[in-house]
Amino acid sequence: DRVLIRIKDLTVEKADEVVWVRGRIHTSRAKGKQCFLVLRQQQFNIQALVAVGQHASKQMVKFAANINKESIVDVEGVVRKAYQKIGGCTQQDVELHVQKIYVISLAEPRLPLQLDDAVRPEVEGEEDGRATVNQDTRLDNRVIDLRTSTSQAIFGLQSGICQLFRETLIRKGFVEIQTPKIISAASEGGANVFTVSYFKSSAYLAQSPQLYKQMCICADFEKVFCVGPVFRAEDSNTHRHLTEFVGLDIEMAFNYHYHEVVDEIADTLVQIFKGLQERFQTEIQTVNKQFPCEPFKFLEPTLRLEYREGVAMLREAGVEMGDEEDLSTPNEKLLGRLVKEKYDTDFYILDKYPLAVRPFYTMPDPVNPKNSNSYDMFMRGEEILSGAQRIHDPQLLTERAQHHGIDLEKIKAYIDSFRFGAPPHAGGGIGLERVTMLYLGLHNVRQTSMFPRDPKRLTP
């Protein structure tokens, strides 16, 4: 008949109440006839005092002091108002005076990493010689690393991004769909796919849900989105690439101009940013303690520049590049800094990319054949979405595929999708882990992937 109370709910309003709490032993410190414990639950913690007296014997104090760190315990205690703020705990105004303590699950005495080391800012560790935990150690022991207040906050906020994405699009009249991840041909006609054994033949892991999103548009769903895994067999070991990530994908038919879709996607992201500001300040501040970062800035409506304007800004800053040359990663980041200086926004759209640097299914610009009806969206100078108006005419699609040297037989099913009447449509794909990383100003996408997969990592 015990009712377990959440640590985050233990406030001065609960003072003098007897409560039951379940938590992990974060730290313990014996001092004479008393023992101070810190009990942790996700990113919340509270100081607990076991002292010799009416409810605790010397043996009980000794027992509590010797419980291994990270063990799970149930504690009965009285909530007491603290005489002064308790530093190092989220619940600073109260502490728990323990009457009973039960070990629910005993952790091994030796931990692969210390949680206090894992939440210490790297600069602070370097200054005073204290330990910090490197990325490989974190990922090799991910279950422990995910217990830190920083990781709890990161993935709490990431969950919020998914929730806000769904909420916003459903409110806008979109339908959520689920698409196959095992497919018969490379999604985008490229070679960067994982081949899997499929009974007596071979299949591929989907690089993108694009074909199926477009098929749904052809089936008159008008507005669709999906949230699911995306696989890219790229031997890329950068700070922002993974071989498996979560895609937030959108596709939408439009009436007059593809900017209808661009505006809808941009507004969706703005609603996510606003929702994070309003609902997830605790998580943002928790991450900022370890990884300080300026608050994410955005404009409403979103700044939209044409590609040529971005190139002009780069040239003015001393960069040499051609009109039809794609942006390199350093130039992306530089342009992000230039845009921030000029427009004071971390989020913007680059529109009208050169046709030469976009995939075969991208609609050419009807006014300037060297340009395309395509766009990328950027956060803090890094691309988070690549999108375009898709070619919905099978004849033009065939011509563009031939121009790119693509085997038509391999994309026959894709082209055939448009032979029975297809409305003009556009869309794009967003990388969830990358959005989380850039919103929080983190330095590696592996920090925002719960169990990351890259060319060198397949476990845990």
Protein backbone atom coordinates (compact mmCIF):
# COMPACT_ATOMS: atom_id res chain seq x y z
CA ASP A 1 0.00 0.00 0.00
CA ARG A 2 3.02 2.32 -0.36
CA VAL A 3 2.54 5.29 -2.69
CA LEU A 4 5.87 6.31 -4.20
CA ILE A 5 6.34 10.08 -4.60
CA ARG A 6 8.43 11.57 -7.43
CA ILE A 7 11.54 13.42 -6.28
CA LYS A 8 10.64 16.45 -8.41
CA ASP A 9 7.40 16.76 -6.37
CA LEU A 10 9.20 16.94 -3.01
CA THR A 11 8.92 20.65 -2.27
CA VAL A 12 8.26 22.79 0.81
CA GLU A 13 4.53 22.10 0.35
CA LYS A 14 5.31 18.50 1.41
CA ALA A 15 7.21 19.60 4.56
CA ASP A 16 6.62 17.33 7.59
CA GLU A 17 4.85 14.67 5.49
CA VAL A 18 5.95 11.05 5.65
CA VAL A 19 6.60 9.84 2.08
CA TRP A 20 7.96 6.87 0.17
CA VAL A 21 10.52 7.57 -2.56
CA ARG A 22 12.32 5.29 -5.02
CA GLY A 23 15.64 6.46 -6.42
CA ARG A 24 19.24 5.59 -7.16
CA ILE A 25 22.05 6.18 -4.69
CA HIS A 26 23.98 8.95 -6.43
CA THR A 27 26.43 9.63 -3.59
CA SER A 28 26.80 8.66 0.05
CA ARG A 29 28.90 10.22 2.80
CA ALA A 30 29.13 8.97 6.39
CA LYS A 31 29.89 11.45 9.13
CA GLY A 32 29.86 10.23 12.71
CA LYS A 33 26.43 8.96 13.66
CA GLN A 34 24.83 10.06 10.42
CA CYS A 35 25.01 9.40 6.71
CA PHE A 36 24.12 11.80 3.91
CA LEU A 37 22.77 10.25 0.72
CA VAL A 38 21.81 11.90 -2.54
CA LEU A 39 18.91 10.08 -4.18
CA ARG A 40 18.46 10.58 -7.92
CA GLN A 41 15.53 10.13 -10.26
CA GLN A 42 16.22 11.10 -13.89
CA GLN A 43 17.55 14.69 -13.73
CA PHE A 44 16.11 15.37 -10.24
CA ASN A 45 17.82 14.65 -6.92
CA ILE A 46 17.39 15.24 -3.21
CA GLN A 47 19.55 15.01 -0.10
CA ALA A 48 18.54 12.26 2.34
CA LEU A 49 19.78 12.04 5.94
CA VAL A 50 20.07 8.78 7.89
CA ALA A 51 20.85 9.65 11.53
CA VAL A 52 21.03 7.57 14.69
CA GLY A 53 17.85 8.15 16.66
CA GLN A 54 14.32 6.88 17.18
CA HIS A 55 14.03 5.46 13.64
CA ALA A 56 17.62 4.54 12.81
CA SER A 57 20.26 2.49 14.61
CA LYS A 58 24.05 2.65 14.20
CA GLN A 59 23.81 -0.49 12.07
CA MET A 60 21.25 1.15 9.78
CA VAL A 61 23.50 4.19 9.29
CA LYS A 62 26.43 1.89 8.49
CA PHE A 63 24.24 -0.17 6.15
CA ALA A 64 23.07 2.96 4.26
CA ALA A 65 26.63 4.29 3.94
CA ASN A 66 27.80 1.03 2.35
CA ILE A 67 25.11 0.69 -0.32
CA ASN A 68 26.86 0.76 -3.69
CA LYS A 69 26.42 3.83 -5.90
CA GLU A 70 23.70 3.49 -8.58
CA SER A 71 21.79 0.91 -6.52
CA ILE A 72 18.00 1.38 -6.54
CA VAL A 73 16.43 1.88 -3.13
CA ASP A 74 13.01 2.54 -1.61
CA VAL A 75 13.09 5.04 1.23
CA GLU A 76 10.50 6.05 3.80
CA GLY A 77 11.21 9.42 5.30
CA VAL A 78 9.93 12.75 6.55
CA VAL A 79 10.25 15.76 4.28
CA ARG A 80 11.99 18.53 6.21
CA LYS A 81 12.55 22.14 5.21
CA ALA A 82 16.27 22.82 4.80
CA TYR A 83 17.92 25.50 6.96
CA GLN A 84 19.83 26.74 3.94
CA LYS A 85 19.85 26.02 0.20
CA ILE A 86 21.28 22.59 -0.56
CA GLY A 87 23.87 22.99 -3.29
CA GLY A 88 24.30 20.20 -5.82
CA CYS A 89 20.66 19.07 -5.59
CA THR A 90 17.70 20.08 -7.72
CA GLN A 91 15.48 20.04 -4.60
CA GLN A 92 17.34 22.76 -2.68
CA ASP A 93 14.70 23.77 -0.13
CA VAL A 94 13.94 20.37 1.42
CA GLU A 95 15.70 17.20 2.48
CA LEU A 96 14.49 13.73 3.42
CA HIS A 97 14.98 12.38 6.97
CA VAL A 98 15.10 8.62 6.45
CA GLN A 99 13.19 6.19 8.66
CA LYS A 100 13.39 3.03 6.55
CA ILE A 101 15.50 2.01 3.57
CA TYR A 102 15.23 -1.06 1.34
CA VAL A 103 17.61 -2.08 -1.45
CA ILE A 104 15.52 -2.98 -4.52
CA SER A 105 18.43 -3.63 -6.91
CA LEU A 106 22.08 -3.65 -5.86
CA ALA A 107 24.56 -2.23 -8.39
CA GLU A 108 28.03 -3.71 -8.75
CA PRO A 109 30.60 -1.85 -6.62
CA ARG A 110 32.81 -0.83 -9.56
CA LEU A 111 31.27 1.51 -12.15
CA PRO A 112 32.73 1.93 -15.67
CA LEU A 113 32.37 5.70 -15.30
CA GLN A 114 31.42 8.16 -12.57
CA LEU A 115 28.29 10.18 -13.25
CA ASP A 116 29.75 13.32 -11.66
CA ASP A 117 32.68 13.11 -14.09
CA ALA A 118 30.27 12.58 -17.01
CA VAL A 119 28.36 15.84 -16.35
CA ARG A 120 31.41 18.00 -15.69
CA PRO A 121 32.01 20.68 -18.37
CA GLU A 122 35.16 19.76 -20.29
CA VAL A 123 36.74 23.19 -19.80
CA GLU A 124 36.19 23.01 -16.04
CA GLY A 125 37.81 19.55 -15.90
CA GLU A 126 40.84 20.76 -17.85
CA GLU A 127 41.30 23.76 -15.57
CA ASP A 128 41.40 21.92 -12.25
CA GLY A 129 42.72 18.53 -13.36
CA ARG A 130 39.52 16.64 -12.56
CA ALA A 131 38.37 13.80 -14.79
CA THR A 132 35.97 14.14 -17.68
CA VAL A 133 34.58 11.24 -19.72
CA ASN A 134 35.40 10.92 -23.41
CA GLN A 135 32.83 10.10 -26.06
CA ASP A 136 33.87 6.49 -26.72
CA THR A 137 33.74 5.64 -23.01
CA ARG A 138 30.27 7.18 -22.83
CA LEU A 139 29.01 5.24 -25.84
CA ASP A 140 30.63 1.96 -24.75
CA ASN A 141 28.75 2.32 -21.44
CA ARG A 142 25.67 4.06 -22.78
CA VAL A 143 23.24 2.72 -20.17
CA ILE A 144 25.24 4.48 -17.45
CA ASP A 145 25.82 7.62 -19.52
CA LEU A 146 22.09 7.94 -20.26
CA ARG A 147 21.46 8.25 -16.51
CA THR A 148 23.23 11.61 -16.30
CA SER A 149 21.10 14.71 -15.87
CA THR A 150 22.44 16.04 -19.18
CA SER A 151 21.45 12.93 -21.16
CA GLN A 152 18.06 12.79 -19.45
CA ALA A 153 17.46 16.41 -20.47
CA ILE A 154 18.70 15.91 -24.06
CA PHE A 155 16.38 13.00 -24.73
CA GLY A 156 13.48 14.59 -22.86
CA LEU A 157 13.79 17.56 -25.20
CA GLN A 158 14.18 15.27 -28.23
CA SER A 159 10.93 13.55 -27.28
CA GLY A 160 9.38 17.03 -27.16
CA ILE A 161 10.54 17.74 -30.73
CA CYS A 162 8.72 14.62 -31.96
CA GLN A 163 5.63 15.50 -29.96
CA LEU A 164 5.56 19.09 -31.26
CA PHE A 165 6.20 17.90 -34.82
CA ARG A 166 3.18 15.60 -34.65
CA GLU A 167 0.96 18.11 -32.83
CA THR A 168 1.70 20.90 -35.29
CA LEU A 169 1.22 18.85 -38.46
CA ILE A 170 -1.96 17.13 -37.27
CA ARG A 171 -3.35 20.58 -36.42
CA LYS A 172 -2.46 21.63 -40.00
CA GLY A 173 -4.45 18.71 -41.44
CA PHE A 174 -1.59 16.30 -42.20
CA VAL A 175 -1.99 12.52 -41.97
CA GLU A 176 0.73 10.43 -40.33
CA ILE A 177 1.81 7.45 -42.43
CA GLN A 178 4.13 4.49 -41.89
CA THR A 179 6.37 3.49 -44.79
CA PRO A 180 8.38 0.31 -45.57
CA LYS A 181 12.02 0.22 -44.52
CA ILE A 182 12.83 -2.91 -46.59
CA ILE A 183 12.62 -2.00 -50.26
CA SER A 184 13.39 -3.55 -53.62
CA ALA A 185 15.57 -0.78 -55.06
CA ALA A 186 17.67 2.12 -53.79
CA SER A 187 15.30 4.91 -52.71
CA GLU A 188 17.22 7.67 -54.43
CA GLY A 189 18.84 5.78 -57.28
CA GLY A 190 22.25 5.90 -55.56
CA ALA A 191 24.79 3.40 -54.30
CA ASN A 192 24.83 4.41 -50.62
CA VAL A 193 22.42 1.70 -49.48
CA PHE A 194 22.63 -1.28 -47.15
CA THR A 195 21.91 -4.56 -48.90
CA VAL A 196 20.12 -7.23 -46.89
CA SER A 197 19.38 -10.87 -47.64
CA TYR A 198 15.68 -11.25 -48.45
CA PHE A 199 14.71 -14.92 -48.79
CA LYS A 200 16.23 -15.99 -52.16
CA SER A 201 17.03 -12.47 -53.34
CA SER A 202 18.39 -9.17 -52.05
CA ALA A 203 16.62 -6.10 -50.70
CA TYR A 204 17.74 -2.70 -49.38
CA LEU A 205 17.21 -0.63 -46.25
CA ALA A 206 15.38 2.57 -47.16
CA GLN A 207 17.51 5.69 -47.57
CA SER A 208 14.34 7.77 -47.40
CA PRO A 209 10.55 7.35 -47.29
CA GLN A 210 10.29 9.72 -50.24
CA LEU A 211 8.85 7.29 -52.83
CA TYR A 212 6.07 6.26 -50.45
CA LYS A 213 5.32 9.83 -49.36
CA GLN A 214 4.93 10.77 -53.03
CA MET A 215 2.78 7.72 -53.74
CA CYS A 216 0.46 8.85 -50.94
CA ILE A 217 0.23 12.30 -52.53
CA CYS A 218 -0.65 10.58 -55.84
CA ALA A 219 -3.30 8.67 -53.87
CA ASP A 220 -4.91 12.01 -52.87
CA PHE A 221 -3.81 12.16 -49.24
CA GLU A 222 -2.69 15.76 -49.99
CA LYS A 223 -0.62 16.25 -46.78
CA VAL A 224 1.41 13.47 -45.14
CA PHE A 225 4.23 13.07 -42.66
CA CYS A 226 6.14 10.21 -41.09
CA VAL A 227 8.60 9.63 -38.27
CA GLY A 228 10.93 6.67 -38.67
CA PRO A 229 14.44 5.30 -39.18
CA VAL A 230 16.48 6.21 -42.26
CA PHE A 231 19.57 4.29 -43.37
CA ARG A 232 22.57 5.74 -45.22
CA ALA A 233 25.53 3.50 -46.12
CA GLU A 234 27.97 6.39 -46.29
CA ASP A 235 31.46 5.83 -44.93
CA SER A 236 31.21 9.19 -43.22
CA ASN A 237 32.82 9.82 -39.85
CA THR A 238 31.84 13.45 -39.27
CA HIS A 239 30.31 15.20 -36.28
CA ARG A 240 26.89 15.30 -37.97
CA HIS A 241 26.49 12.04 -39.93
CA LEU A 242 25.09 8.68 -38.81
CA THR A 243 24.38 5.50 -40.78
CA GLU A 244 20.97 5.26 -39.08
CA PHE A 245 18.99 8.26 -37.91
CA VAL A 246 15.39 9.27 -37.29
CA GLY A 247 13.77 11.12 -40.18
CA LEU A 248 10.95 13.61 -39.72
CA ASP A 249 9.52 13.63 -43.24
CA ILE A 250 6.88 15.86 -44.82
CA GLU A 251 5.20 15.80 -48.25
CA MET A 252 2.40 18.03 -49.45
CA ALA A 253 0.44 18.83 -52.60
CA PHE A 254 0.19 22.54 -53.41
CA ASN A 255 -2.15 24.68 -55.49
CA TYR A 256 -0.13 27.44 -57.12
CA HIS A 257 3.52 27.54 -56.00
CA TYR A 258 5.95 25.31 -54.12
CA HIS A 259 6.54 28.12 -51.62
CA GLU A 260 3.20 27.06 -50.09
CA VAL A 261 5.05 23.95 -48.92
CA VAL A 262 8.22 25.82 -47.95
CA ASP A 263 6.20 28.16 -45.74
CA GLU A 264 4.32 25.25 -44.15
CA ILE A 265 7.52 23.38 -43.29
CA ALA A 266 9.22 26.53 -41.96
CA ASP A 267 6.22 27.36 -39.79
CA THR A 268 6.20 23.80 -38.45
CA LEU A 269 9.82 24.20 -37.34
CA VAL A 270 9.06 27.61 -35.82
CA GLN A 271 6.19 26.08 -33.82
CA ILE A 272 8.61 23.40 -32.59
CA PHE A 273 11.16 26.05 -31.53
CA LYS A 274 8.46 28.05 -29.72
CA GLY A 275 7.14 24.93 -28.01
CA LEU A 276 10.62 24.00 -26.81
CA GLN A 277 11.10 27.49 -25.37
CA GLU A 278 7.77 27.32 -23.56
CA ARG A 279 7.74 23.72 -22.31
CA PHE A 280 11.36 22.58 -21.98
CA GLN A 281 13.25 25.34 -20.17
CA THR A 282 14.31 22.93 -17.40
CA GLU A 283 15.90 20.59 -19.96
CA ILE A 284 17.55 23.45 -21.87
CA GLN A 285 19.06 24.90 -18.69
CA THR A 286 20.23 21.46 -17.51
CA VAL A 287 22.13 20.88 -20.78
CA ASN A 288 23.53 24.43 -20.67
CA LYS A 289 25.19 23.74 -17.32
CA GLN A 290 27.48 21.24 -19.02
CA PHE A 291 27.47 22.66 -22.55
CA PRO A 292 26.96 26.46 -22.36
CA CYS A 293 25.32 27.90 -25.45
CA GLU A 294 23.52 31.06 -26.56
CA PRO A 295 19.72 30.71 -26.78
CA PHE A 296 18.49 29.64 -30.21
CA LYS A 297 17.17 32.60 -32.21
CA PHE A 298 14.63 32.56 -35.06
CA LEU A 299 12.43 35.01 -36.96
CA GLU A 300 8.74 34.84 -37.67
CA PRO A 301 8.14 34.60 -40.60
CA THR A 302 11.37 32.71 -41.35
CA LEU A 303 14.13 34.45 -43.30
CA ARG A 304 14.32 33.10 -46.87
CA LEU A 305 17.32 33.92 -49.08
CA GLU A 306 17.95 32.81 -52.63
CA TYR A 307 21.05 30.74 -53.23
CA ARG A 308 22.61 33.52 -55.33
CA GLU A 309 22.23 35.92 -52.37
CA GLY A 310 24.02 33.44 -50.11
CA VAL A 311 26.84 33.08 -52.67
CA ALA A 312 27.10 36.88 -52.88
CA MET A 313 27.47 37.12 -49.08
CA LEU A 314 30.21 34.49 -49.13
CA ARG A 315 32.07 36.22 -51.96
CA GLU A 316 31.87 39.49 -50.08
CA ALA A 317 33.54 37.67 -47.16
CA GLY A 318 36.38 36.54 -49.44
CA VAL A 319 35.18 33.09 -50.52
CA GLU A 320 35.81 32.09 -54.13
CA MET A 321 33.07 29.87 -55.57
CA GLY A 322 31.13 29.43 -58.81
CA ASP A 323 27.45 30.19 -59.37
CA GLU A 324 26.61 26.48 -59.75
CA GLU A 325 28.93 25.14 -57.08
CA ASP A 326 27.42 23.42 -54.03
CA LEU A 327 28.12 24.71 -50.51
CA SER A 328 30.96 22.98 -48.69
CA THR A 329 30.59 22.38 -44.95
CA PRO A 330 32.99 25.25 -44.04
CA ASN A 331 31.09 27.61 -46.36
CA GLU A 332 27.76 26.49 -44.84
CA LYS A 333 29.04 27.39 -41.39
CA LEU A 334 30.51 30.69 -42.55
CA LEU A 335 27.24 31.64 -44.24
CA GLY A 336 25.41 30.80 -41.02
CA ARG A 337 27.67 33.23 -39.12
CA LEU A 338 27.18 35.93 -41.76
CA VAL A 339 23.39 35.50 -41.67
CA LYS A 340 23.41 35.67 -37.85
CA GLU A 341 25.44 38.90 -37.93
CA LYS A 342 23.19 40.53 -40.53
CA TYR A 343 19.73 39.21 -39.65
CA ASP A 344 20.14 37.99 -36.02
CA THR A 345 18.66 34.55 -36.67
CA ASP A 346 20.00 31.01 -36.24
CA PHE A 347 17.33 29.57 -38.57
CA TYR A 348 16.91 30.42 -42.23
CA ILE A 349 16.02 29.02 -45.66
CA LEU A 350 18.23 28.97 -48.76
CA ASP A 351 16.05 28.73 -51.87
CA LYS A 352 16.59 28.19 -55.62
CA TYR A 353 19.63 25.91 -55.56
CA PRO A 354 21.48 25.33 -58.86
CA LEU A 355 19.84 22.43 -60.72
CA ALA A 356 23.28 20.87 -61.32
CA VAL A 357 23.79 20.07 -57.60
CA ARG A 358 20.34 18.59 -56.88
CA PRO A 359 18.94 15.04 -57.45
CA PHE A 360 17.29 14.01 -60.73
CA TYR A 361 13.73 14.24 -59.35
CA THR A 362 14.06 17.99 -58.52
CA MET A 363 11.81 20.33 -60.55
CA PRO A 364 13.79 22.80 -62.69
CA ASP A 365 12.98 26.48 -62.23
CA PRO A 366 10.63 27.43 -65.11
CA VAL A 367 12.11 30.95 -65.27
CA ASN A 368 15.83 30.08 -65.10
CA PRO A 369 16.68 26.52 -66.29
CA LYS A 370 20.01 26.62 -64.40
CA ASN A 371 18.13 26.88 -61.10
CA SER A 372 15.73 24.51 -59.38
CA ASN A 373 12.67 24.72 -57.17
CA SER A 374 14.62 23.36 -54.24
CA TYR A 375 15.61 24.58 -50.81
CA ASP A 376 17.60 23.74 -47.69
CA MET A 377 16.91 24.88 -44.14
CA PHE A 378 19.69 25.66 -41.70
CA MET A 379 20.17 25.85 -37.93
CA ARG A 380 23.29 27.53 -36.54
CA GLY A 381 24.92 27.30 -39.97
CA GLU A 382 24.27 23.59 -40.58
CA GLU A 383 21.71 22.01 -42.90
CA ILE A 384 18.83 20.22 -41.16
CA LEU A 385 16.45 19.81 -44.10
CA SER A 386 16.90 19.30 -47.80
CA GLY A 387 13.76 19.60 -49.90
CA ALA A 388 12.32 20.41 -53.29
CA GLN A 389 9.36 20.47 -55.56
CA ARG A 390 9.32 16.98 -57.08
CA ILE A 391 8.90 16.37 -60.79
CA HIS A 392 5.38 14.93 -61.11
CA ASP A 393 5.42 14.52 -64.91
CA PRO A 394 6.71 11.02 -65.86
CA GLN A 395 8.15 12.18 -69.20
CA LEU A 396 10.21 14.99 -67.66
CA LEU A 397 11.23 12.67 -64.81
CA THR A 398 12.50 10.10 -67.35
CA GLU A 399 14.49 12.78 -69.18
CA ARG A 400 16.09 14.06 -65.98
CA ALA A 401 16.99 10.52 -64.86
CA GLN A 402 18.65 9.84 -68.23
CA HIS A 403 20.53 13.15 -67.94
CA HIS A 404 21.93 11.92 -64.59
CA GLY A 405 22.88 8.55 -66.09
CA ILE A 406 20.48 6.57 -63.89
CA ASP A 407 19.37 3.09 -64.95
CA LEU A 408 15.67 3.58 -65.74
CA GLU A 409 14.85 -0.04 -64.99
CA LYS A 410 15.94 0.45 -61.37
CA ILE A 411 13.56 3.37 -60.84
CA LYS A 412 10.69 2.09 -63.00
CA ALA A 413 8.35 1.74 -60.01
CA TYR A 414 9.12 5.32 -59.00
CA ILE A 415 8.38 6.79 -62.46
CA ASP A 416 5.27 4.62 -62.89
CA SER A 417 3.79 6.18 -59.73
CA PHE A 418 3.11 9.37 -61.69
CA ARG A 419 1.49 7.85 -64.79
CA PHE A 420 -2.07 7.98 -63.46
CA GLY A 421 -2.33 11.64 -62.54
CA ALA A 422 -0.18 13.31 -59.89
CA PRO A 423 -0.72 16.76 -58.34
CA PRO A 424 2.18 19.21 -58.05
CA HIS A 425 3.86 18.54 -54.72
CA ALA A 426 6.94 19.21 -52.63
CA GLY A 427 8.47 18.09 -49.35
CA GLY A 428 11.60 17.43 -47.40
CA GLY A 429 13.28 15.34 -44.74
CA ILE A 430 14.54 16.55 -41.37
CA GLY A 431 17.12 14.75 -39.23
CA LEU A 432 15.79 14.56 -35.66
CA GLU A 433 19.20 14.05 -34.03
CA ARG A 434 20.68 16.95 -35.95
CA VAL A 435 17.86 19.32 -34.96
CA THR A 436 18.33 18.35 -31.30
CA MET A 437 22.10 18.83 -31.55
CA LEU A 438 21.90 22.25 -33.17
CA TYR A 439 19.04 23.61 -31.07
CA LEU A 440 21.05 22.84 -27.91
CA GLY A 441 24.35 23.94 -29.46
CA LEU A 442 26.03 20.55 -28.95
CA HIS A 443 29.12 19.55 -30.87
CA ASN A 444 28.38 15.98 -32.01
CA VAL A 445 25.25 14.22 -33.27
CA ARG A 446 26.21 11.12 -31.27
CA GLN A 447 25.26 13.08 -28.15
CA THR A 448 21.68 13.24 -29.44
CA SER A 449 21.40 9.68 -30.77
CA MET A 450 20.41 7.31 -28.00
CA PHE A 451 22.36 4.35 -29.42
CA PRO A 452 24.28 5.81 -32.39
CA ARG A 453 25.25 3.86 -35.49
CA ASP A 454 28.15 5.00 -37.63
CA PRO A 455 30.80 3.24 -39.77
CA LYS A 456 32.76 2.31 -36.62
CA ARG A 457 29.98 1.59 -34.15
CA LEU A 458 27.38 -1.15 -34.17
CA THR A 459 27.02 -1.67 -30.39
CA PRO A 460 25.54 -1.38 -27.87
